[in-house]
């Protein structure tokens, strides 16, 4: 028989873990800047990249719906799912994508497909697929993907034309850490909830709802990645002068005015906030359906052996 969720442990262990990790990361930042010791950079990168994702996994373990979602499964979806997702996406993007106006759409389609495929593969042996567990396991794969991707971005930000830049690394980790909950984890949680809610006891089902959810999430992903460029174009369309457009036609980059800089910043953050709100509202809708499923299921007859 499938066991129901155990009561979450008291004291919010995820919060203690997050605060402890945050304190250690800040201490590492300070010591690295004071000493200039390059041996501390891997510690700085790993702590900053994995702090928010690992805190989520600890929180998720206390909120799982069935006993089948064990600590081992969560760890597997986070680490193995994250690595496999990053590797699969990297291979597909390298060989299938080329610079074009639709580049970010291709990135969204590939990365969301890679995470969804990895999630289905790693959870294929679950006896029953509760939608709420799909949310948690999908988010676990997404956060694992985000953690490894963030580590790569942080390491890349370290190297600039002027040499090593610890400030660039720290700024990258802060930004990606703050945005992590409304990125890969959110998008794959939506797909996980839809995938599990549409599936039977022993198999996953590919439905029209899942297909539309995949396309919708890929679109949110593409908008998120491309919004910097979109905000730039909107700023030029709304406030660009003839002189600036003539410079662009000749291949020169025009100097923005103060008003254009402020507008670009507002459009950039406003667009990301709007995409995040859409994703969160969508997740809440999937969550409500998962809650209704949980209330209607009282007991499951064990599967025959």
C-alpha atoms as a PDB file:
ATOM      1  CA  UNK A   1       0.000   0.000   0.000  1.00  0.00           C
ATOM      2  CA  UNK A   2       1.236   3.514  -0.778  1.00  0.00           C
ATOM      3  CA  UNK A   3       1.913   5.340   2.446  1.00  0.00           C
ATOM      4  CA  UNK A   4       0.755   8.887   2.938  1.00  0.00           C
ATOM      5  CA  UNK A   5       2.896  11.849   3.703  1.00  0.00           C
ATOM      6  CA  UNK A   6       4.530  11.955   7.075  1.00  0.00           C
ATOM      7  CA  UNK A   7       4.179  15.074   9.162  1.00  0.00           C
ATOM      8  CA  UNK A   8       6.918  17.543   8.380  1.00  0.00           C
ATOM      9  CA  UNK A   9       9.589  17.902  10.980  1.00  0.00           C
ATOM     10  CA  UNK A  10       9.382  20.859  13.306  1.00  0.00           C
ATOM     11  CA  UNK A  11      11.660  23.831  13.297  1.00  0.00           C
ATOM     12  CA  UNK A  12      11.792  24.387   9.525  1.00  0.00           C
ATOM     13  CA  UNK A  13      15.089  22.613   8.808  1.00  0.00           C
ATOM     14  CA  UNK A  14      15.168  24.130   5.294  1.00  0.00           C
ATOM     15  CA  UNK A  15      15.240  27.619   6.816  1.00  0.00           C
ATOM     16  CA  UNK A  16      18.042  26.706   9.211  1.00  0.00           C
ATOM     17  CA  UNK A  17      19.980  25.213   6.316  1.00  0.00           C
ATOM     18  CA  UNK A  18      19.425  28.307   4.167  1.00  0.00           C
ATOM     19  CA  UNK A  19      20.442  30.769   6.885  1.00  0.00           C
ATOM     20  CA  UNK A  20      23.504  28.704   7.814  1.00  0.00           C
ATOM     21  CA  UNK A  21      24.528  28.393   4.167  1.00  0.00           C
ATOM     22  CA  UNK A  22      23.952  32.108   3.574  1.00  0.00           C
ATOM     23  CA  UNK A  23      26.146  32.963   6.538  1.00  0.00           C
ATOM     24  CA  UNK A  24      28.890  30.671   5.276  1.00  0.00           C
ATOM     25  CA  UNK A  25      28.648  32.147   1.774  1.00  0.00           C
ATOM     26  CA  UNK A  26      28.928  35.718   3.096  1.00  0.00           C
ATOM     27  CA  UNK A  27      31.895  34.689   5.266  1.00  0.00           C
ATOM     28  CA  UNK A  28      33.530  33.072   2.239  1.00  0.00           C
ATOM     29  CA  UNK A  29      32.990  36.237   0.171  1.00  0.00           C
ATOM     30  CA  UNK A  30      34.598  38.400   2.869  1.00  0.00           C
ATOM     31  CA  UNK A  31      37.589  36.100   3.394  1.00  0.00           C
ATOM     32  CA  UNK A  32      38.120  35.724  -0.370  1.00  0.00           C
ATOM     33  CA  UNK A  33      38.162  39.500  -0.890  1.00  0.00           C
ATOM     34  CA  UNK A  34      40.440  40.057   2.108  1.00  0.00           C
ATOM     35  CA  UNK A  35      42.970  37.357   1.289  1.00  0.00           C
ATOM     36  CA  UNK A  36      42.666  37.161  -2.511  1.00  0.00           C
ATOM     37  CA  UNK A  37      43.126  33.399  -2.155  1.00  0.00           C
ATOM     38  CA  UNK A  38      42.059  31.754  -5.461  1.00  0.00           C
ATOM     39  CA  UNK A  39      41.665  28.383  -3.703  1.00  0.00           C
ATOM     40  CA  UNK A  40      38.471  29.734  -2.107  1.00  0.00           C
ATOM     41  CA  UNK A  41      36.779  30.408  -5.451  1.00  0.00           C
ATOM     42  CA  UNK A  42      35.354  26.849  -5.864  1.00  0.00           C
ATOM     43  CA  UNK A  43      33.866  27.102  -2.348  1.00  0.00           C
ATOM     44  CA  UNK A  44      32.361  30.476  -3.221  1.00  0.00           C
ATOM     45  CA  UNK A  45      30.892  29.178  -6.490  1.00  0.00           C
ATOM     46  CA  UNK A  46      29.455  25.969  -5.047  1.00  0.00           C
ATOM     47  CA  UNK A  47      27.936  27.588  -1.948  1.00  0.00           C
ATOM     48  CA  UNK A  48      26.323  30.372  -3.954  1.00  0.00           C
ATOM     49  CA  UNK A  49      25.026  28.142  -6.731  1.00  0.00           C
ATOM     50  CA  UNK A  50      23.581  25.349  -4.582  1.00  0.00           C
ATOM     51  CA  UNK A  51      22.284  27.263  -1.543  1.00  0.00           C
ATOM     52  CA  UNK A  52      18.753  28.056  -2.776  1.00  0.00           C
ATOM     53  CA  UNK A  53      18.254  24.794  -4.752  1.00  0.00           C
ATOM     54  CA  UNK A  54      19.380  22.547  -1.874  1.00  0.00           C
ATOM     55  CA  UNK A  55      17.219  24.498   0.585  1.00  0.00           C
ATOM     56  CA  UNK A  56      14.235  23.745  -1.646  1.00  0.00           C
ATOM     57  CA  UNK A  57      15.011  20.018  -1.717  1.00  0.00           C
ATOM     58  CA  UNK A  58      15.090  19.941   2.094  1.00  0.00           C
ATOM     59  CA  UNK A  59      11.754  21.789   2.196  1.00  0.00           C
ATOM     60  CA  UNK A  60      10.267  19.451  -0.417  1.00  0.00           C
ATOM     61  CA  UNK A  61      11.141  16.331   1.562  1.00  0.00           C
ATOM     62  CA  UNK A  62       8.835  17.497   4.353  1.00  0.00           C
ATOM     63  CA  UNK A  63       5.960  18.212   1.964  1.00  0.00           C
ATOM     64  CA  UNK A  64       5.916  15.126  -0.253  1.00  0.00           C
ATOM     65  CA  UNK A  65       2.556  13.426  -0.749  1.00  0.00           C
ATOM     66  CA  UNK A  66       3.546   9.744  -0.661  1.00  0.00           C
ATOM     67  CA  UNK A  67       6.201   7.647   1.020  1.00  0.00           C
ATOM     68  CA  UNK A  68       7.533   6.677  -2.413  1.00  0.00           C
ATOM     69  CA  UNK A  69       9.181  10.088  -2.654  1.00  0.00           C
ATOM     70  CA  UNK A  70      12.169   9.214  -0.506  1.00  0.00           C
ATOM     71  CA  UNK A  71      15.243  11.262   0.324  1.00  0.00           C
ATOM     72  CA  UNK A  72      17.172   9.062  -2.105  1.00  0.00           C
ATOM     73  CA  UNK A  73      14.742   9.805  -4.956  1.00  0.00           C
ATOM     74  CA  UNK A  74      14.825  13.542  -4.283  1.00  0.00           C
ATOM     75  CA  UNK A  75      18.626  13.471  -4.199  1.00  0.00           C
ATOM     76  CA  UNK A  76      18.687  11.499  -7.447  1.00  0.00           C
ATOM     77  CA  UNK A  77      16.319  13.840  -9.263  1.00  0.00           C
ATOM     78  CA  UNK A  78      18.267  16.840  -8.023  1.00  0.00           C
ATOM     79  CA  UNK A  79      21.816  15.678  -8.797  1.00  0.00           C
ATOM     80  CA  UNK A  80      21.363  13.124 -11.587  1.00  0.00           C
ATOM     81  CA  UNK A  81      18.446  14.987 -13.127  1.00  0.00           C
ATOM     82  CA  UNK A  82      20.292  18.284 -13.015  1.00  0.00           C
ATOM     83  CA  UNK A  83      23.475  16.893 -14.568  1.00  0.00           C
ATOM     84  CA  UNK A  84      21.689  14.868 -17.256  1.00  0.00           C
ATOM     85  CA  UNK A  85      19.480  17.831 -18.096  1.00  0.00           C
ATOM     86  CA  UNK A  86      22.443  20.198 -18.463  1.00  0.00           C
ATOM     87  CA  UNK A  87      24.416  17.704 -20.561  1.00  0.00           C
ATOM     88  CA  UNK A  88      21.491  16.839 -22.840  1.00  0.00           C
ATOM     89  CA  UNK A  89      20.586  20.489 -23.349  1.00  0.00           C
ATOM     90  CA  UNK A  90      24.209  21.405 -24.062  1.00  0.00           C
ATOM     91  CA  UNK A  91      24.566  18.699 -26.705  1.00  0.00           C
ATOM     92  CA  UNK A  92      21.280  19.513 -28.424  1.00  0.00           C
ATOM     93  CA  UNK A  93      21.860  23.261 -28.381  1.00  0.00           C
ATOM     94  CA  UNK A  94      25.369  22.848 -29.794  1.00  0.00           C
ATOM     95  CA  UNK A  95      24.248  20.805 -32.787  1.00  0.00           C
ATOM     96  CA  UNK A  96      20.726  22.112 -33.405  1.00  0.00           C
ATOM     97  CA  UNK A  97      20.837  25.831 -32.680  1.00  0.00           C
ATOM     98  CA  UNK A  98      22.531  28.622 -34.582  1.00  0.00           C
ATOM     99  CA  UNK A  99      22.401  32.420 -34.148  1.00  0.00           C
ATOM    100  CA  UNK A 100      18.952  33.519 -35.330  1.00  0.00           C
ATOM    101  CA  UNK A 101      15.916  35.533 -34.160  1.00  0.00           C
ATOM    102  CA  UNK A 102      14.379  32.312 -32.837  1.00  0.00           C
ATOM    103  CA  UNK A 103      17.432  31.256 -30.846  1.00  0.00           C
ATOM    104  CA  UNK A 104      15.854  31.715 -27.411  1.00  0.00           C
ATOM    105  CA  UNK A 105      12.717  29.830 -28.460  1.00  0.00           C
ATOM    106  CA  UNK A 106      14.941  26.921 -29.448  1.00  0.00           C
ATOM    107  CA  UNK A 107      16.742  27.113 -26.099  1.00  0.00           C
ATOM    108  CA  UNK A 108      13.430  27.017 -24.231  1.00  0.00           C
ATOM    109  CA  UNK A 109      12.119  24.059 -26.231  1.00  0.00           C
ATOM    110  CA  UNK A 110      15.332  22.048 -25.834  1.00  0.00           C
ATOM    111  CA  UNK A 111      15.979  22.691 -22.145  1.00  0.00           C
ATOM    112  CA  UNK A 112      12.390  22.079 -21.057  1.00  0.00           C
ATOM    113  CA  UNK A 113      12.230  18.887 -23.143  1.00  0.00           C
ATOM    114  CA  UNK A 114      15.499  17.677 -21.632  1.00  0.00           C
ATOM    115  CA  UNK A 115      14.313  18.267 -18.064  1.00  0.00           C
ATOM    116  CA  UNK A 116      10.911  16.686 -18.733  1.00  0.00           C
ATOM    117  CA  UNK A 117      12.497  13.586 -20.294  1.00  0.00           C
ATOM    118  CA  UNK A 118      14.938  13.217 -17.392  1.00  0.00           C
ATOM    119  CA  UNK A 119      12.105  13.602 -14.860  1.00  0.00           C
ATOM    120  CA  UNK A 120      10.025  10.898 -16.568  1.00  0.00           C
ATOM    121  CA  UNK A 121      13.017   8.547 -16.768  1.00  0.00           C
ATOM    122  CA  UNK A 122      14.056   8.920 -13.120  1.00  0.00           C
ATOM    123  CA  UNK A 123      10.513   8.540 -11.727  1.00  0.00           C
ATOM    124  CA  UNK A 124       9.257   5.831 -14.090  1.00  0.00           C
ATOM    125  CA  UNK A 125       9.200   3.159 -11.360  1.00  0.00           C
ATOM    126  CA  UNK A 126       6.861   4.999  -8.976  1.00  0.00           C
ATOM    127  CA  UNK A 127       3.827   2.855  -8.198  1.00  0.00           C
ATOM    128  CA  UNK A 128       1.459   5.800  -8.286  1.00  0.00           C
ATOM    129  CA  UNK A 129       2.000   9.233  -9.723  1.00  0.00           C
ATOM    130  CA  UNK A 130       0.437  11.874  -7.532  1.00  0.00           C
ATOM    131  CA  UNK A 131       0.264  15.327  -9.115  1.00  0.00           C
ATOM    132  CA  UNK A 132       1.633  16.961  -5.972  1.00  0.00           C
ATOM    133  CA  UNK A 133       4.652  14.649  -6.030  1.00  0.00           C
ATOM    134  CA  UNK A 134       5.099  15.581  -9.676  1.00  0.00           C
ATOM    135  CA  UNK A 135       5.318  19.232  -8.668  1.00  0.00           C
ATOM    136  CA  UNK A 136       7.999  18.468  -6.087  1.00  0.00           C
ATOM    137  CA  UNK A 137      10.044  16.086  -8.235  1.00  0.00           C
ATOM    138  CA  UNK A 138       9.792  18.368 -11.264  1.00  0.00           C
ATOM    139  CA  UNK A 139      11.005  21.312  -9.206  1.00  0.00           C
ATOM    140  CA  UNK A 140      13.837  19.143  -7.868  1.00  0.00           C
ATOM    141  CA  UNK A 141      15.050  18.393 -11.399  1.00  0.00           C
ATOM    142  CA  UNK A 142      14.660  22.075 -12.324  1.00  0.00           C
ATOM    143  CA  UNK A 143      16.561  23.312  -9.296  1.00  0.00           C
ATOM    144  CA  UNK A 144      19.316  20.779  -9.926  1.00  0.00           C
ATOM    145  CA  UNK A 145      19.580  22.052 -13.495  1.00  0.00           C
ATOM    146  CA  UNK A 146      19.654  25.649 -12.207  1.00  0.00           C
ATOM    147  CA  UNK A 147      22.356  24.896  -9.629  1.00  0.00           C
ATOM    148  CA  UNK A 148      24.796  23.404 -12.129  1.00  0.00           C
ATOM    149  CA  UNK A 149      23.977  26.065 -14.715  1.00  0.00           C
ATOM    150  CA  UNK A 150      24.511  28.842 -12.159  1.00  0.00           C
ATOM    151  CA  UNK A 151      27.873  27.377 -11.176  1.00  0.00           C
ATOM    152  CA  UNK A 152      28.905  27.569 -14.825  1.00  0.00           C
ATOM    153  CA  UNK A 153      27.712  31.172 -15.201  1.00  0.00           C
ATOM    154  CA  UNK A 154      29.467  32.202 -11.975  1.00  0.00           C
ATOM    155  CA  UNK A 155      32.725  30.605 -13.067  1.00  0.00           C
ATOM    156  CA  UNK A 156      32.474  32.287 -16.489  1.00  0.00           C
ATOM    157  CA  UNK A 157      31.730  35.687 -14.888  1.00  0.00           C
ATOM    158  CA  UNK A 158      35.007  35.421 -12.999  1.00  0.00           C
ATOM    159  CA  UNK A 159      37.006  35.946 -16.183  1.00  0.00           C
ATOM    160  CA  UNK A 160      36.903  39.394 -17.770  1.00  0.00           C
ATOM    161  CA  UNK A 161      39.079  41.328 -20.212  1.00  0.00           C
ATOM    162  CA  UNK A 162      40.729  42.997 -17.222  1.00  0.00           C
ATOM    163  CA  UNK A 163      41.515  39.662 -15.549  1.00  0.00           C
ATOM    164  CA  UNK A 164      39.820  37.881 -12.659  1.00  0.00           C
ATOM    165  CA  UNK A 165      36.811  39.728 -11.218  1.00  0.00           C
ATOM    166  CA  UNK A 166      35.506  38.486  -7.880  1.00  0.00           C
ATOM    167  CA  UNK A 167      32.908  41.262  -7.886  1.00  0.00           C
ATOM    168  CA  UNK A 168      31.414  39.973 -11.150  1.00  0.00           C
ATOM    169  CA  UNK A 169      31.270  36.460  -9.712  1.00  0.00           C
ATOM    170  CA  UNK A 170      29.517  37.617  -6.523  1.00  0.00           C
ATOM    171  CA  UNK A 171      27.021  39.764  -8.448  1.00  0.00           C
ATOM    172  CA  UNK A 172      26.197  36.858 -10.768  1.00  0.00           C
ATOM    173  CA  UNK A 173      25.596  34.493  -7.846  1.00  0.00           C
ATOM    174  CA  UNK A 174      23.443  37.029  -5.996  1.00  0.00           C
ATOM    175  CA  UNK A 175      21.276  37.712  -9.052  1.00  0.00           C
ATOM    176  CA  UNK A 176      20.845  34.066 -10.025  1.00  0.00           C
ATOM    177  CA  UNK A 177      20.203  33.067  -6.409  1.00  0.00           C
ATOM    178  CA  UNK A 178      17.438  35.666  -6.075  1.00  0.00           C
ATOM    179  CA  UNK A 179      15.843  34.636  -9.381  1.00  0.00           C
ATOM    180  CA  UNK A 180      16.254  30.858  -8.924  1.00  0.00           C
ATOM    181  CA  UNK A 181      12.745  30.241  -7.456  1.00  0.00           C
ATOM    182  CA  UNK A 182      11.048  31.743 -10.542  1.00  0.00           C
ATOM    183  CA  UNK A 183      13.247  30.076 -13.143  1.00  0.00           C
ATOM    184  CA  UNK A 184      14.019  26.445 -13.929  1.00  0.00           C
ATOM    185  CA  UNK A 185      12.510  25.107 -10.697  1.00  0.00           C
ATOM    186  CA  UNK A 186       9.173  26.819 -11.348  1.00  0.00           C
ATOM    187  CA  UNK A 187       8.948  25.787 -15.005  1.00  0.00           C
ATOM    188  CA  UNK A 188       9.776  22.104 -14.430  1.00  0.00           C
ATOM    189  CA  UNK A 189       7.464  21.973 -11.401  1.00  0.00           C
ATOM    190  CA  UNK A 190       4.571  22.945 -13.683  1.00  0.00           C
ATOM    191  CA  UNK A 191       5.511  20.249 -16.187  1.00  0.00           C
ATOM    192  CA  UNK A 192       5.947  17.665 -13.428  1.00  0.00           C
ATOM    193  CA  UNK A 193       2.526  18.372 -11.972  1.00  0.00           C
ATOM    194  CA  UNK A 194       0.843  18.154 -15.386  1.00  0.00           C
ATOM    195  CA  UNK A 195       2.756  14.992 -16.342  1.00  0.00           C
ATOM    196  CA  UNK A 196       1.864  13.157 -13.137  1.00  0.00           C
ATOM    197  CA  UNK A 197      -1.773  14.280 -13.080  1.00  0.00           C
ATOM    198  CA  UNK A 198      -2.311  12.933 -16.613  1.00  0.00           C
ATOM    199  CA  UNK A 199      -0.589   9.608 -15.991  1.00  0.00           C
ATOM    200  CA  UNK A 200      -1.772   6.232 -14.811  1.00  0.00           C
ATOM    201  CA  UNK A 201      -0.455   4.000 -12.120  1.00  0.00           C
ATOM    202  CA  UNK A 202       2.217   2.158 -14.066  1.00  0.00           C
ATOM    203  CA  UNK A 203       3.011   4.472 -16.942  1.00  0.00           C
ATOM    204  CA  UNK A 204       3.295   8.069 -18.062  1.00  0.00           C
ATOM    205  CA  UNK A 205       0.769   9.431 -20.523  1.00  0.00           C
ATOM    206  CA  UNK A 206       1.483  11.971 -23.246  1.00  0.00           C
ATOM    207  CA  UNK A 207      -1.641  14.121 -23.477  1.00  0.00           C
ATOM    208  CA  UNK A 208      -2.624  17.307 -25.267  1.00  0.00           C
ATOM    209  CA  UNK A 209      -2.612  19.081 -21.910  1.00  0.00           C
ATOM    210  CA  UNK A 210       0.990  18.022 -21.358  1.00  0.00           C
ATOM    211  CA  UNK A 211       1.955  19.119 -24.868  1.00  0.00           C
ATOM    212  CA  UNK A 212       0.399  22.564 -24.412  1.00  0.00           C
ATOM    213  CA  UNK A 213       1.985  22.862 -20.971  1.00  0.00           C
ATOM    214  CA  UNK A 214       5.384  22.043 -22.472  1.00  0.00           C
ATOM    215  CA  UNK A 215       4.976  24.641 -25.228  1.00  0.00           C
ATOM    216  CA  UNK A 216       3.733  27.229 -22.726  1.00  0.00           C
ATOM    217  CA  UNK A 217       6.599  26.656 -20.319  1.00  0.00           C
ATOM    218  CA  UNK A 218       9.112  26.758 -23.180  1.00  0.00           C
ATOM    219  CA  UNK A 219       7.618  30.118 -24.218  1.00  0.00           C
ATOM    220  CA  UNK A 220       7.975  31.489 -20.665  1.00  0.00           C
ATOM    221  CA  UNK A 221      11.568  30.244 -20.688  1.00  0.00           C
ATOM    222  CA  UNK A 222      12.243  31.952 -24.030  1.00  0.00           C
ATOM    223  CA  UNK A 223      10.685  35.237 -22.891  1.00  0.00           C
ATOM    224  CA  UNK A 224      12.765  35.137 -19.704  1.00  0.00           C
ATOM    225  CA  UNK A 225      16.020  34.599 -21.600  1.00  0.00           C
ATOM    226  CA  UNK A 226      15.291  37.128 -24.328  1.00  0.00           C
ATOM    227  CA  UNK A 227      13.679  39.898 -22.312  1.00  0.00           C
ATOM    228  CA  UNK A 228      16.895  41.929 -22.128  1.00  0.00           C
ATOM    229  CA  UNK A 229      16.883  42.174 -25.933  1.00  0.00           C
ATOM    230  CA  UNK A 230      13.138  42.809 -26.038  1.00  0.00           C
ATOM    231  CA  UNK A 231      13.481  45.663 -23.526  1.00  0.00           C
ATOM    232  CA  UNK A 232      16.293  47.154 -25.599  1.00  0.00           C
ATOM    233  CA  UNK A 233      14.200  47.094 -28.778  1.00  0.00           C
ATOM    234  CA  UNK A 234      11.166  48.566 -26.989  1.00  0.00           C
ATOM    235  CA  UNK A 235      13.308  51.360 -25.557  1.00  0.00           C
ATOM    236  CA  UNK A 236      14.615  52.254 -29.022  1.00  0.00           C
ATOM    237  CA  UNK A 237      11.160  52.076 -30.613  1.00  0.00           C
ATOM    238  CA  UNK A 238       9.606  54.283 -27.929  1.00  0.00           C
ATOM    239  CA  UNK A 239      12.379  56.839 -27.405  1.00  0.00           C
ATOM    240  CA  UNK A 240      14.971  56.422 -30.171  1.00  0.00           C
ATOM    241  CA  UNK A 241      16.078  59.514 -32.111  1.00  0.00           C
ATOM    242  CA  UNK A 242      16.897  59.795 -35.808  1.00  0.00           C
ATOM    243  CA  UNK A 243      20.555  60.253 -34.922  1.00  0.00           C
ATOM    244  CA  UNK A 244      20.609  57.029 -32.887  1.00  0.00           C
ATOM    245  CA  UNK A 245      18.934  55.066 -35.680  1.00  0.00           C
ATOM    246  CA  UNK A 246      21.401  56.445 -38.222  1.00  0.00           C
ATOM    247  CA  UNK A 247      24.294  55.303 -36.026  1.00  0.00           C
ATOM    248  CA  UNK A 248      22.765  51.833 -35.795  1.00  0.00           C
ATOM    249  CA  UNK A 249      22.393  51.648 -39.581  1.00  0.00           C
ATOM    250  CA  UNK A 250      26.109  52.425 -39.936  1.00  0.00           C
ATOM    251  CA  UNK A 251      27.060  49.745 -37.413  1.00  0.00           C
ATOM    252  CA  UNK A 252      27.746  52.000 -34.414  1.00  0.00           C
ATOM    253  CA  UNK A 253      26.290  51.687 -30.918  1.00  0.00           C
ATOM    254  CA  UNK A 254      24.582  54.955 -29.866  1.00  0.00           C
ATOM    255  CA  UNK A 255      25.057  56.352 -26.385  1.00  0.00           C
ATOM    256  CA  UNK A 256      21.741  56.112 -24.472  1.00  0.00           C
ATOM    257  CA  UNK A 257      20.285  59.101 -22.681  1.00  0.00           C
ATOM    258  CA  UNK A 258      19.543  59.026 -18.953  1.00  0.00           C
ATOM    259  CA  UNK A 259      15.819  58.720 -19.698  1.00  0.00           C
ATOM    260  CA  UNK A 260      16.468  55.762 -22.010  1.00  0.00           C
ATOM    261  CA  UNK A 261      18.612  54.061 -19.377  1.00  0.00           C
ATOM    262  CA  UNK A 262      15.844  54.402 -16.783  1.00  0.00           C
ATOM    263  CA  UNK A 263      13.201  53.180 -19.236  1.00  0.00           C
ATOM    264  CA  UNK A 264      15.327  50.195 -20.254  1.00  0.00           C
ATOM    265  CA  UNK A 265      15.842  49.223 -16.603  1.00  0.00           C
ATOM    266  CA  UNK A 266      12.117  49.514 -15.870  1.00  0.00           C
ATOM    267  CA  UNK A 267      11.173  47.476 -18.938  1.00  0.00           C
ATOM    268  CA  UNK A 268      13.801  44.818 -18.173  1.00  0.00           C
ATOM    269  CA  UNK A 269      12.693  44.213 -14.604  1.00  0.00           C
ATOM    270  CA  UNK A 270       9.015  44.753 -15.363  1.00  0.00           C
ATOM    271  CA  UNK A 271       9.098  42.080 -18.054  1.00  0.00           C
ATOM    272  CA  UNK A 272      10.837  39.558 -15.804  1.00  0.00           C
ATOM    273  CA  UNK A 273       8.347  40.259 -13.017  1.00  0.00           C
ATOM    274  CA  UNK A 274       5.422  39.775 -15.422  1.00  0.00           C
ATOM    275  CA  UNK A 275       6.820  36.447 -16.704  1.00  0.00           C
ATOM    276  CA  UNK A 276       7.363  35.340 -13.094  1.00  0.00           C
ATOM    277  CA  UNK A 277       3.795  36.234 -12.092  1.00  0.00           C
ATOM    278  CA  UNK A 278       2.377  34.261 -15.030  1.00  0.00           C
ATOM    279  CA  UNK A 279       4.481  31.242 -14.057  1.00  0.00           C
ATOM    280  CA  UNK A 280       3.528  31.451 -10.378  1.00  0.00           C
ATOM    281  CA  UNK A 281      -0.184  31.761 -11.164  1.00  0.00           C
ATOM    282  CA  UNK A 282       0.083  28.765 -13.480  1.00  0.00           C
ATOM    283  CA  UNK A 283       1.864  26.761 -10.781  1.00  0.00           C
ATOM    284  CA  UNK A 284      -0.846  27.643  -8.260  1.00  0.00           C
ATOM    285  CA  UNK A 285      -3.480  26.417 -10.722  1.00  0.00           C
ATOM    286  CA  UNK A 286      -1.658  23.085 -11.116  1.00  0.00           C
ATOM    287  CA  UNK A 287      -1.262  22.933  -7.338  1.00  0.00           C
ATOM    288  CA  UNK A 288      -5.007  23.413  -6.785  1.00  0.00           C
ATOM    289  CA  UNK A 289      -5.748  20.521  -9.122  1.00  0.00           C
ATOM    290  CA  UNK A 290      -3.206  18.431  -7.228  1.00  0.00           C
ATOM    291  CA  UNK A 291      -4.916  19.287  -3.939  1.00  0.00           C
ATOM    292  CA  UNK A 292      -8.295  18.204  -5.336  1.00  0.00           C
ATOM    293  CA  UNK A 293      -6.740  14.929  -6.434  1.00  0.00           C
ATOM    294  CA  UNK A 294      -5.331  14.370  -2.951  1.00  0.00           C
ATOM    295  CA  UNK A 295      -8.716  14.986  -1.297  1.00  0.00           C
ATOM    296  CA  UNK A 296     -10.534  12.517  -3.554  1.00  0.00           C
ATOM    297  CA  UNK A 297      -8.048   9.667  -3.003  1.00  0.00           C
ATOM    298  CA  UNK A 298      -8.640   7.920   0.300  1.00  0.00           C
ATOM    299  CA  UNK A 299      -6.763   4.654  -0.186  1.00  0.00           C
ATOM    300  CA  UNK A 300      -5.077   2.718  -2.984  1.00  0.00           C
ATOM    301  CA  UNK A 301      -5.264  -1.045  -3.381  1.00  0.00           C
ATOM    302  CA  UNK A 302      -1.702  -2.393  -3.619  1.00  0.00           C
ATOM    303  CA  UNK A 303      -0.622  -3.463  -7.093  1.00  0.00           C
ATOM    304  CA  UNK A 304      -0.421  -7.170  -7.771  1.00  0.00           C
ATOM    305  CA  UNK A 305       3.034  -8.725  -7.784  1.00  0.00           C
END
